[in-house]
Amino acid sequence: MSRAAALLLMIAGGLSATGCASTDTTPSDPTTITGTSTVASRRASRVAAPRLSPEAIQRQVPPRGERRRAERAMTERPLLSRLPLRADGITVDIAGLDRDGHTTVLTVTGPGRSTSDLQAWFERLLRDHGDNGRGYRVRFYGTR
């Protein structure tokens, strides 16, 4: 046997051993699919969420006082639940919390509007929503 023929037999033997030379479309090993992992191995590689005790879950719930304060903030400041708000080319959005930890900082942006126009528009917005505006510090950004 020539060297080339022996090499071809080795290659053909190697291909048939891996299942690549087979004309059969089903893989030789039913638990593996060439190039992908099986469903079972994908499931095994997923990490299960830790099981939490009722005490651990309860620690994640904010204390009653914090919940009450949050609920009161939303009822005393009805505009807050509507933000971000866009109307008449003006955007009102929450910028953060003031240093005191209680006052919400809002930005009112209106391209092509003066600061006094934005202030008047924001006051109408507060009235329309029944909000007294006391819990906000407002920054107005007009371009005129």
C-alpha atoms as a PDB file:
ATOM      1  CA  MET A   1       0.000   0.000   0.000  1.00  0.00           C
ATOM      2  CA  SER A   2       1.342   3.385  -0.917  1.00  0.00           C
ATOM      3  CA  ARG A   3       1.877   6.102   1.570  1.00  0.00           C
ATOM      4  CA  ALA A   4      -0.894   8.261   0.093  1.00  0.00           C
ATOM      5  CA  ALA A   5      -3.400   5.401   0.256  1.00  0.00           C
ATOM      6  CA  ALA A   6      -2.515   4.707   3.883  1.00  0.00           C
ATOM      7  CA  LEU A   7      -2.970   8.405   4.702  1.00  0.00           C
ATOM      8  CA  LEU A   8      -6.382   8.438   3.011  1.00  0.00           C
ATOM      9  CA  LEU A   9      -7.443   5.344   4.952  1.00  0.00           C
ATOM     10  CA  MET A  10      -6.357   6.954   8.209  1.00  0.00           C
ATOM     11  CA  ILE A  11      -8.276  10.130   7.426  1.00  0.00           C
ATOM     12  CA  ALA A  12     -11.371   8.169   6.375  1.00  0.00           C
ATOM     13  CA  GLY A  13     -11.134   6.037   9.491  1.00  0.00           C
ATOM     14  CA  GLY A  14     -10.841   9.127  11.676  1.00  0.00           C
ATOM     15  CA  LEU A  15     -13.830  10.780  10.030  1.00  0.00           C
ATOM     16  CA  SER A  16     -16.016   7.739  10.382  1.00  0.00           C
ATOM     17  CA  ALA A  17     -14.997   7.375  14.029  1.00  0.00           C
ATOM     18  CA  THR A  18     -16.208  10.933  14.749  1.00  0.00           C
ATOM     19  CA  GLY A  19     -19.401  10.437  12.782  1.00  0.00           C
ATOM     20  CA  CYS A  20     -18.513  13.091  10.172  1.00  0.00           C
ATOM     21  CA  ALA A  21     -18.154  10.748   7.207  1.00  0.00           C
ATOM     22  CA  SER A  22     -21.439   9.028   7.839  1.00  0.00           C
ATOM     23  CA  THR A  23     -24.251   9.591   5.346  1.00  0.00           C
ATOM     24  CA  ASP A  24     -26.751   9.091   8.145  1.00  0.00           C
ATOM     25  CA  THR A  25     -28.169  12.472   9.323  1.00  0.00           C
ATOM     26  CA  THR A  26     -28.625  11.367  12.930  1.00  0.00           C
ATOM     27  CA  PRO A  27     -25.658  11.755  15.246  1.00  0.00           C
ATOM     28  CA  SER A  28     -23.872   8.570  16.305  1.00  0.00           C
ATOM     29  CA  ASP A  29     -24.371   9.433  19.995  1.00  0.00           C
ATOM     30  CA  PRO A  30     -27.991  10.489  20.725  1.00  0.00           C
ATOM     31  CA  THR A  31     -26.999  12.548  23.773  1.00  0.00           C
ATOM     32  CA  THR A  32     -24.773  14.945  21.815  1.00  0.00           C
ATOM     33  CA  ILE A  33     -25.363  17.171  18.848  1.00  0.00           C
ATOM     34  CA  THR A  34     -22.290  18.211  16.897  1.00  0.00           C
ATOM     35  CA  GLY A  35     -21.432  21.874  17.531  1.00  0.00           C
ATOM     36  CA  THR A  36     -24.021  22.475  20.254  1.00  0.00           C
ATOM     37  CA  SER A  37     -24.635  21.278  23.757  1.00  0.00           C
ATOM     38  CA  THR A  38     -27.572  19.159  24.731  1.00  0.00           C
ATOM     39  CA  VAL A  39     -30.605  20.527  26.520  1.00  0.00           C
ATOM     40  CA  ALA A  40     -29.657  18.574  29.624  1.00  0.00           C
ATOM     41  CA  SER A  41     -26.171  20.063  29.776  1.00  0.00           C
ATOM     42  CA  ARG A  42     -27.546  23.587  29.193  1.00  0.00           C
ATOM     43  CA  ARG A  43     -29.967  23.094  32.072  1.00  0.00           C
ATOM     44  CA  ALA A  44     -27.199  21.782  34.292  1.00  0.00           C
ATOM     45  CA  SER A  45     -25.080  24.874  33.611  1.00  0.00           C
ATOM     46  CA  ARG A  46     -27.807  27.254  34.816  1.00  0.00           C
ATOM     47  CA  VAL A  47     -27.427  28.525  38.334  1.00  0.00           C
ATOM     48  CA  ALA A  48     -30.494  28.124  40.494  1.00  0.00           C
ATOM     49  CA  ALA A  49     -31.692  31.144  42.461  1.00  0.00           C
ATOM     50  CA  PRO A  50     -30.985  30.818  46.154  1.00  0.00           C
ATOM     51  CA  ARG A  51     -33.899  29.802  48.315  1.00  0.00           C
ATOM     52  CA  LEU A  52     -34.663  32.552  50.798  1.00  0.00           C
ATOM     53  CA  SER A  53     -36.213  32.057  54.176  1.00  0.00           C
ATOM     54  CA  PRO A  54     -39.309  34.111  55.078  1.00  0.00           C
ATOM     55  CA  GLU A  55     -37.106  36.158  57.426  1.00  0.00           C
ATOM     56  CA  ALA A  56     -34.679  37.007  54.610  1.00  0.00           C
ATOM     57  CA  ILE A  57     -37.562  38.053  52.359  1.00  0.00           C
ATOM     58  CA  GLN A  58     -39.031  40.214  55.112  1.00  0.00           C
ATOM     59  CA  ARG A  59     -35.690  42.011  55.518  1.00  0.00           C
ATOM     60  CA  GLN A  60     -35.990  43.107  51.859  1.00  0.00           C
ATOM     61  CA  VAL A  61     -39.338  44.802  52.464  1.00  0.00           C
ATOM     62  CA  PRO A  62     -38.904  48.433  53.550  1.00  0.00           C
ATOM     63  CA  PRO A  63     -39.980  49.229  57.105  1.00  0.00           C
ATOM     64  CA  ARG A  64     -43.534  50.447  57.586  1.00  0.00           C
ATOM     65  CA  GLY A  65     -42.396  54.034  58.234  1.00  0.00           C
ATOM     66  CA  GLU A  66     -40.503  54.222  54.952  1.00  0.00           C
ATOM     67  CA  ARG A  67     -43.481  52.843  53.036  1.00  0.00           C
ATOM     68  CA  ARG A  68     -45.780  55.372  54.701  1.00  0.00           C
ATOM     69  CA  ARG A  69     -43.436  58.248  53.841  1.00  0.00           C
ATOM     70  CA  ALA A  70     -43.228  57.113  50.221  1.00  0.00           C
ATOM     71  CA  GLU A  71     -47.013  56.788  49.953  1.00  0.00           C
ATOM     72  CA  ARG A  72     -47.506  60.208  51.561  1.00  0.00           C
ATOM     73  CA  ALA A  73     -44.990  61.774  49.173  1.00  0.00           C
ATOM     74  CA  MET A  74     -46.932  60.425  46.216  1.00  0.00           C
ATOM     75  CA  THR A  75     -50.324  61.620  47.527  1.00  0.00           C
ATOM     76  CA  GLU A  76     -49.018  65.052  48.592  1.00  0.00           C
ATOM     77  CA  ARG A  77     -47.194  65.493  45.287  1.00  0.00           C
ATOM     78  CA  PRO A  78     -49.504  64.178  42.556  1.00  0.00           C
ATOM     79  CA  LEU A  79     -47.293  65.575  39.796  1.00  0.00           C
ATOM     80  CA  LEU A  80     -44.459  63.305  40.921  1.00  0.00           C
ATOM     81  CA  SER A  81     -46.260  60.173  39.756  1.00  0.00           C
ATOM     82  CA  ARG A  82     -46.710  61.657  36.257  1.00  0.00           C
ATOM     83  CA  LEU A  83     -43.018  62.341  35.614  1.00  0.00           C
ATOM     84  CA  PRO A  84     -41.267  62.388  33.224  1.00  0.00           C
ATOM     85  CA  LEU A  85     -43.759  64.567  31.397  1.00  0.00           C
ATOM     86  CA  ARG A  86     -43.537  66.102  27.918  1.00  0.00           C
ATOM     87  CA  ALA A  87     -46.080  68.615  26.649  1.00  0.00           C
ATOM     88  CA  ASP A  88     -46.033  71.727  24.451  1.00  0.00           C
ATOM     89  CA  GLY A  89     -42.357  71.094  23.646  1.00  0.00           C
ATOM     90  CA  ILE A  90     -41.466  71.301  27.352  1.00  0.00           C
ATOM     91  CA  THR A  91     -40.006  68.456  29.392  1.00  0.00           C
ATOM     92  CA  VAL A  92     -40.346  68.075  33.164  1.00  0.00           C
ATOM     93  CA  ASP A  93     -38.180  65.379  34.700  1.00  0.00           C
ATOM     94  CA  ILE A  94     -36.791  64.292  38.050  1.00  0.00           C
ATOM     95  CA  ALA A  95     -33.160  65.338  38.456  1.00  0.00           C
ATOM     96  CA  GLY A  96     -32.663  63.803  41.893  1.00  0.00           C
ATOM     97  CA  LEU A  97     -33.081  64.434  45.582  1.00  0.00           C
ATOM     98  CA  ASP A  98     -31.924  67.599  47.305  1.00  0.00           C
ATOM     99  CA  ARG A  99     -29.310  67.495  50.067  1.00  0.00           C
ATOM    100  CA  ASP A 100     -32.001  67.574  52.738  1.00  0.00           C
ATOM    101  CA  GLY A 101     -33.172  64.146  51.558  1.00  0.00           C
ATOM    102  CA  HIS A 102     -36.828  65.235  51.283  1.00  0.00           C
ATOM    103  CA  THR A 103     -37.049  67.771  48.457  1.00  0.00           C
ATOM    104  CA  THR A 104     -37.271  66.436  44.903  1.00  0.00           C
ATOM    105  CA  VAL A 105     -35.217  68.340  42.337  1.00  0.00           C
ATOM    106  CA  LEU A 106     -37.006  68.786  39.008  1.00  0.00           C
ATOM    107  CA  THR A 107     -35.762  70.130  35.702  1.00  0.00           C
ATOM    108  CA  VAL A 108     -38.042  71.991  33.333  1.00  0.00           C
ATOM    109  CA  THR A 109     -36.534  72.268  29.869  1.00  0.00           C
ATOM    110  CA  GLY A 110     -38.066  74.190  26.986  1.00  0.00           C
ATOM    111  CA  PRO A 111     -35.995  74.933  23.921  1.00  0.00           C
ATOM    112  CA  GLY A 112     -36.782  78.382  22.565  1.00  0.00           C
ATOM    113  CA  ARG A 113     -38.642  79.462  25.713  1.00  0.00           C
ATOM    114  CA  SER A 114     -37.690  82.035  28.302  1.00  0.00           C
ATOM    115  CA  THR A 115     -37.302  81.141  31.968  1.00  0.00           C
ATOM    116  CA  SER A 116     -40.380  83.226  32.856  1.00  0.00           C
ATOM    117  CA  ASP A 117     -42.444  81.336  30.226  1.00  0.00           C
ATOM    118  CA  LEU A 118     -41.290  78.031  31.704  1.00  0.00           C
ATOM    119  CA  GLN A 119     -42.103  79.171  35.248  1.00  0.00           C
ATOM    120  CA  ALA A 120     -45.638  80.243  34.251  1.00  0.00           C
ATOM    121  CA  TRP A 121     -46.174  76.974  32.372  1.00  0.00           C
ATOM    122  CA  PHE A 122     -44.961  74.947  35.372  1.00  0.00           C
ATOM    123  CA  GLU A 123     -47.273  76.817  37.768  1.00  0.00           C
ATOM    124  CA  ARG A 124     -50.245  76.007  35.506  1.00  0.00           C
ATOM    125  CA  LEU A 125     -49.108  72.381  35.423  1.00  0.00           C
ATOM    126  CA  LEU A 126     -49.056  72.247  39.244  1.00  0.00           C
ATOM    127  CA  ARG A 127     -52.560  73.740  39.444  1.00  0.00           C
ATOM    128  CA  ASP A 128     -53.901  71.336  36.814  1.00  0.00           C
ATOM    129  CA  HIS A 129     -52.596  68.357  38.822  1.00  0.00           C
ATOM    130  CA  GLY A 130     -53.715  69.701  42.206  1.00  0.00           C
ATOM    131  CA  ASP A 131     -50.125  69.845  43.447  1.00  0.00           C
ATOM    132  CA  ASN A 132     -49.028  72.616  45.847  1.00  0.00           C
ATOM    133  CA  GLY A 133     -45.411  72.425  44.610  1.00  0.00           C
ATOM    134  CA  ARG A 134     -43.915  72.615  48.114  1.00  0.00           C
ATOM    135  CA  GLY A 135     -41.910  69.394  47.869  1.00  0.00           C
ATOM    136  CA  TYR A 136     -39.893  70.443  44.812  1.00  0.00           C
ATOM    137  CA  ARG A 137     -36.846  72.485  43.949  1.00  0.00           C
ATOM    138  CA  VAL A 138     -37.209  73.375  40.280  1.00  0.00           C
ATOM    139  CA  ARG A 139     -34.462  74.282  37.805  1.00  0.00           C
ATOM    140  CA  PHE A 140     -35.607  75.960  34.619  1.00  0.00           C
ATOM    141  CA  TYR A 141     -33.598  75.650  31.407  1.00  0.00           C
ATOM    142  CA  GLY A 142     -34.804  77.852  28.573  1.00  0.00           C
ATOM    143  CA  THR A 143     -32.780  78.929  25.589  1.00  0.00           C
ATOM    144  CA  ARG A 144     -33.855  82.576  25.422  1.00  0.00           C
END
